[in-house]
Amino acid sequence: MLRYTLMRLGIFVGCLVVVWGLVYAGLFPRGLGSSNGMWIVLLSLLISAPISFVVLRKERDRASVQVAQRVDRMKANLDANRSQEDETVDEAGRSQGQAPQTS
């Protein structure tokens, strides 16, 4: 996941440098007034998004598999904890002579 994020950030920074150079060379229009910095950042985001989508497809798929595995592991741990808690409550009820509770 960190690798994907760093690669995506690298593509954005590369686009930022290229757009900055093109704006100051006069090939791309400058922003209005003091908005030139924001214009460069927004244009860089707009250009880097589709590049990242195409170039980082395999890395994004790997990252999504890792996230899905983590979610499955957390769900399994949550279910195990829930069943362990239910068993503890049932044992406590039996030791006090009460019927097991159902939820």
C-alpha atoms as a PDB file:
ATOM      1  CA  MET A   1       0.000   0.000   0.000  1.00  0.00           C
ATOM      2  CA  LEU A   2       2.828   2.378   0.874  1.00  0.00           C
ATOM      3  CA  ARG A   3       4.543   1.557  -2.407  1.00  0.00           C
ATOM      4  CA  TYR A   4       1.417   2.480  -4.387  1.00  0.00           C
ATOM      5  CA  THR A   5       1.052   5.740  -2.481  1.00  0.00           C
ATOM      6  CA  LEU A   6       4.677   6.695  -3.056  1.00  0.00           C
ATOM      7  CA  MET A   7       4.444   5.837  -6.753  1.00  0.00           C
ATOM      8  CA  ARG A   8       1.296   7.925  -7.074  1.00  0.00           C
ATOM      9  CA  LEU A   9       2.954  10.817  -5.269  1.00  0.00           C
ATOM     10  CA  GLY A  10       5.965  10.511  -7.578  1.00  0.00           C
ATOM     11  CA  ILE A  11       3.765  10.764 -10.662  1.00  0.00           C
ATOM     12  CA  PHE A  12       2.056  13.843  -9.203  1.00  0.00           C
ATOM     13  CA  VAL A  13       5.382  15.525  -8.387  1.00  0.00           C
ATOM     14  CA  GLY A  14       6.645  14.766 -11.886  1.00  0.00           C
ATOM     15  CA  CYS A  15       3.526  16.321 -13.393  1.00  0.00           C
ATOM     16  CA  LEU A  16       3.867  19.287 -11.055  1.00  0.00           C
ATOM     17  CA  VAL A  17       7.420  19.968 -12.231  1.00  0.00           C
ATOM     18  CA  VAL A  18       6.465  19.611 -15.899  1.00  0.00           C
ATOM     19  CA  VAL A  19       3.381  21.838 -15.576  1.00  0.00           C
ATOM     20  CA  TRP A  20       5.334  24.438 -13.597  1.00  0.00           C
ATOM     21  CA  GLY A  21       7.977  24.524 -16.340  1.00  0.00           C
ATOM     22  CA  LEU A  22       5.372  24.811 -19.095  1.00  0.00           C
ATOM     23  CA  VAL A  23       3.511  27.618 -17.310  1.00  0.00           C
ATOM     24  CA  TYR A  24       6.642  29.645 -16.720  1.00  0.00           C
ATOM     25  CA  ALA A  25       7.819  28.990 -20.270  1.00  0.00           C
ATOM     26  CA  GLY A  26       4.540  30.481 -21.487  1.00  0.00           C
ATOM     27  CA  LEU A  27       3.245  27.296 -23.146  1.00  0.00           C
ATOM     28  CA  PHE A  28       0.409  26.905 -20.624  1.00  0.00           C
ATOM     29  CA  PRO A  29      -1.663  29.887 -19.470  1.00  0.00           C
ATOM     30  CA  ARG A  30      -0.936  31.467 -16.090  1.00  0.00           C
ATOM     31  CA  GLY A  31      -3.594  31.659 -13.392  1.00  0.00           C
ATOM     32  CA  LEU A  32      -5.460  34.856 -12.636  1.00  0.00           C
ATOM     33  CA  GLY A  33      -3.772  37.230 -10.209  1.00  0.00           C
ATOM     34  CA  SER A  34      -2.225  35.393  -7.280  1.00  0.00           C
ATOM     35  CA  SER A  35      -3.873  32.051  -8.136  1.00  0.00           C
ATOM     36  CA  ASN A  36      -0.963  30.857 -10.270  1.00  0.00           C
ATOM     37  CA  GLY A  37       0.271  28.336  -7.647  1.00  0.00           C
ATOM     38  CA  MET A  38      -3.197  26.869  -7.214  1.00  0.00           C
ATOM     39  CA  TRP A  39      -3.619  26.696 -10.988  1.00  0.00           C
ATOM     40  CA  ILE A  40      -0.385  24.711 -11.327  1.00  0.00           C
ATOM     41  CA  VAL A  41      -1.350  22.267  -8.546  1.00  0.00           C
ATOM     42  CA  LEU A  42      -4.868  21.706  -9.913  1.00  0.00           C
ATOM     43  CA  LEU A  43      -3.618  21.213 -13.445  1.00  0.00           C
ATOM     44  CA  SER A  44      -1.002  18.751 -12.163  1.00  0.00           C
ATOM     45  CA  LEU A  45      -3.681  16.785 -10.299  1.00  0.00           C
ATOM     46  CA  LEU A  46      -5.849  16.726 -13.398  1.00  0.00           C
ATOM     47  CA  ILE A  47      -3.011  15.389 -15.543  1.00  0.00           C
ATOM     48  CA  SER A  48      -1.554  12.927 -12.997  1.00  0.00           C
ATOM     49  CA  ALA A  49      -4.871  11.202 -12.171  1.00  0.00           C
ATOM     50  CA  PRO A  50      -5.401   9.436 -15.533  1.00  0.00           C
ATOM     51  CA  ILE A  51      -1.669   8.695 -15.828  1.00  0.00           C
ATOM     52  CA  SER A  52      -1.720   7.015 -12.400  1.00  0.00           C
ATOM     53  CA  PHE A  53      -4.887   5.137 -13.288  1.00  0.00           C
ATOM     54  CA  VAL A  54      -3.282   3.564 -16.355  1.00  0.00           C
ATOM     55  CA  VAL A  55       0.342   3.183 -15.258  1.00  0.00           C
ATOM     56  CA  LEU A  56      -0.296   1.909 -11.708  1.00  0.00           C
ATOM     57  CA  ARG A  57      -3.032  -0.611 -12.523  1.00  0.00           C
ATOM     58  CA  LYS A  58      -1.068  -3.681 -11.372  1.00  0.00           C
ATOM     59  CA  GLU A  59       0.186  -1.971  -8.233  1.00  0.00           C
ATOM     60  CA  ARG A  60      -3.362  -0.802  -7.395  1.00  0.00           C
ATOM     61  CA  ASP A  61      -4.634  -4.379  -7.791  1.00  0.00           C
ATOM     62  CA  ARG A  62      -1.920  -5.644  -5.417  1.00  0.00           C
ATOM     63  CA  ALA A  63      -2.809  -2.960  -2.882  1.00  0.00           C
ATOM     64  CA  SER A  64      -6.522  -3.810  -3.069  1.00  0.00           C
ATOM     65  CA  VAL A  65      -5.752  -7.495  -2.443  1.00  0.00           C
ATOM     66  CA  GLN A  66      -3.763  -6.531   0.659  1.00  0.00           C
ATOM     67  CA  VAL A  67      -6.612  -4.356   1.924  1.00  0.00           C
ATOM     68  CA  ALA A  68      -9.168  -7.125   1.309  1.00  0.00           C
ATOM     69  CA  GLN A  69      -6.991  -9.629   3.198  1.00  0.00           C
ATOM     70  CA  ARG A  70      -6.679  -7.233   6.133  1.00  0.00           C
ATOM     71  CA  VAL A  71     -10.442  -6.702   6.226  1.00  0.00           C
ATOM     72  CA  ASP A  72     -11.075 -10.463   6.148  1.00  0.00           C
ATOM     73  CA  ARG A  73      -8.566 -10.996   8.963  1.00  0.00           C
ATOM     74  CA  MET A  74     -10.214  -8.279  11.078  1.00  0.00           C
ATOM     75  CA  LYS A  75     -13.659  -9.785  10.474  1.00  0.00           C
ATOM     76  CA  ALA A  76     -12.400 -13.218  11.526  1.00  0.00           C
ATOM     77  CA  ASN A  77     -10.846 -11.762  14.690  1.00  0.00           C
ATOM     78  CA  LEU A  78     -14.053  -9.898  15.478  1.00  0.00           C
ATOM     79  CA  ASP A  79     -16.134 -13.066  15.047  1.00  0.00           C
ATOM     80  CA  ALA A  80     -13.709 -15.044  17.231  1.00  0.00           C
ATOM     81  CA  ASN A  81     -13.865 -12.389  19.952  1.00  0.00           C
ATOM     82  CA  ARG A  82     -17.647 -12.259  19.739  1.00  0.00           C
ATOM     83  CA  SER A  83     -18.008 -16.041  20.113  1.00  0.00           C
ATOM     84  CA  GLN A  84     -15.487 -16.066  22.967  1.00  0.00           C
ATOM     85  CA  GLU A  85     -17.492 -13.361  24.737  1.00  0.00           C
ATOM     86  CA  ASP A  86     -20.715 -15.335  24.241  1.00  0.00           C
ATOM     87  CA  GLU A  87     -19.111 -18.441  25.750  1.00  0.00           C
ATOM     88  CA  THR A  88     -17.877 -16.440  28.747  1.00  0.00           C
ATOM     89  CA  VAL A  89     -21.344 -15.008  29.373  1.00  0.00           C
ATOM     90  CA  ASP A  90     -22.905 -18.480  29.092  1.00  0.00           C
ATOM     91  CA  GLU A  91     -20.378 -19.957  31.543  1.00  0.00           C
ATOM     92  CA  ALA A  92     -20.985 -17.135  34.017  1.00  0.00           C
ATOM     93  CA  GLY A  93     -24.730 -17.706  33.788  1.00  0.00           C
ATOM     94  CA  ARG A  94     -24.382 -21.455  34.422  1.00  0.00           C
ATOM     95  CA  SER A  95     -22.101 -20.914  37.419  1.00  0.00           C
ATOM     96  CA  GLN A  96     -24.732 -18.619  38.956  1.00  0.00           C
ATOM     97  CA  GLY A  97     -27.518 -21.091  38.196  1.00  0.00           C
ATOM     98  CA  GLN A  98     -29.164 -18.978  35.503  1.00  0.00           C
ATOM     99  CA  ALA A  99     -30.260 -20.041  32.040  1.00  0.00           C
ATOM    100  CA  PRO A 100     -27.947 -18.974  29.195  1.00  0.00           C
ATOM    101  CA  GLN A 101     -28.810 -15.606  27.672  1.00  0.00           C
ATOM    102  CA  THR A 102     -29.685 -15.280  24.008  1.00  0.00           C
ATOM    103  CA  SER A 103     -29.242 -12.114  22.040  1.00  0.00           C
END
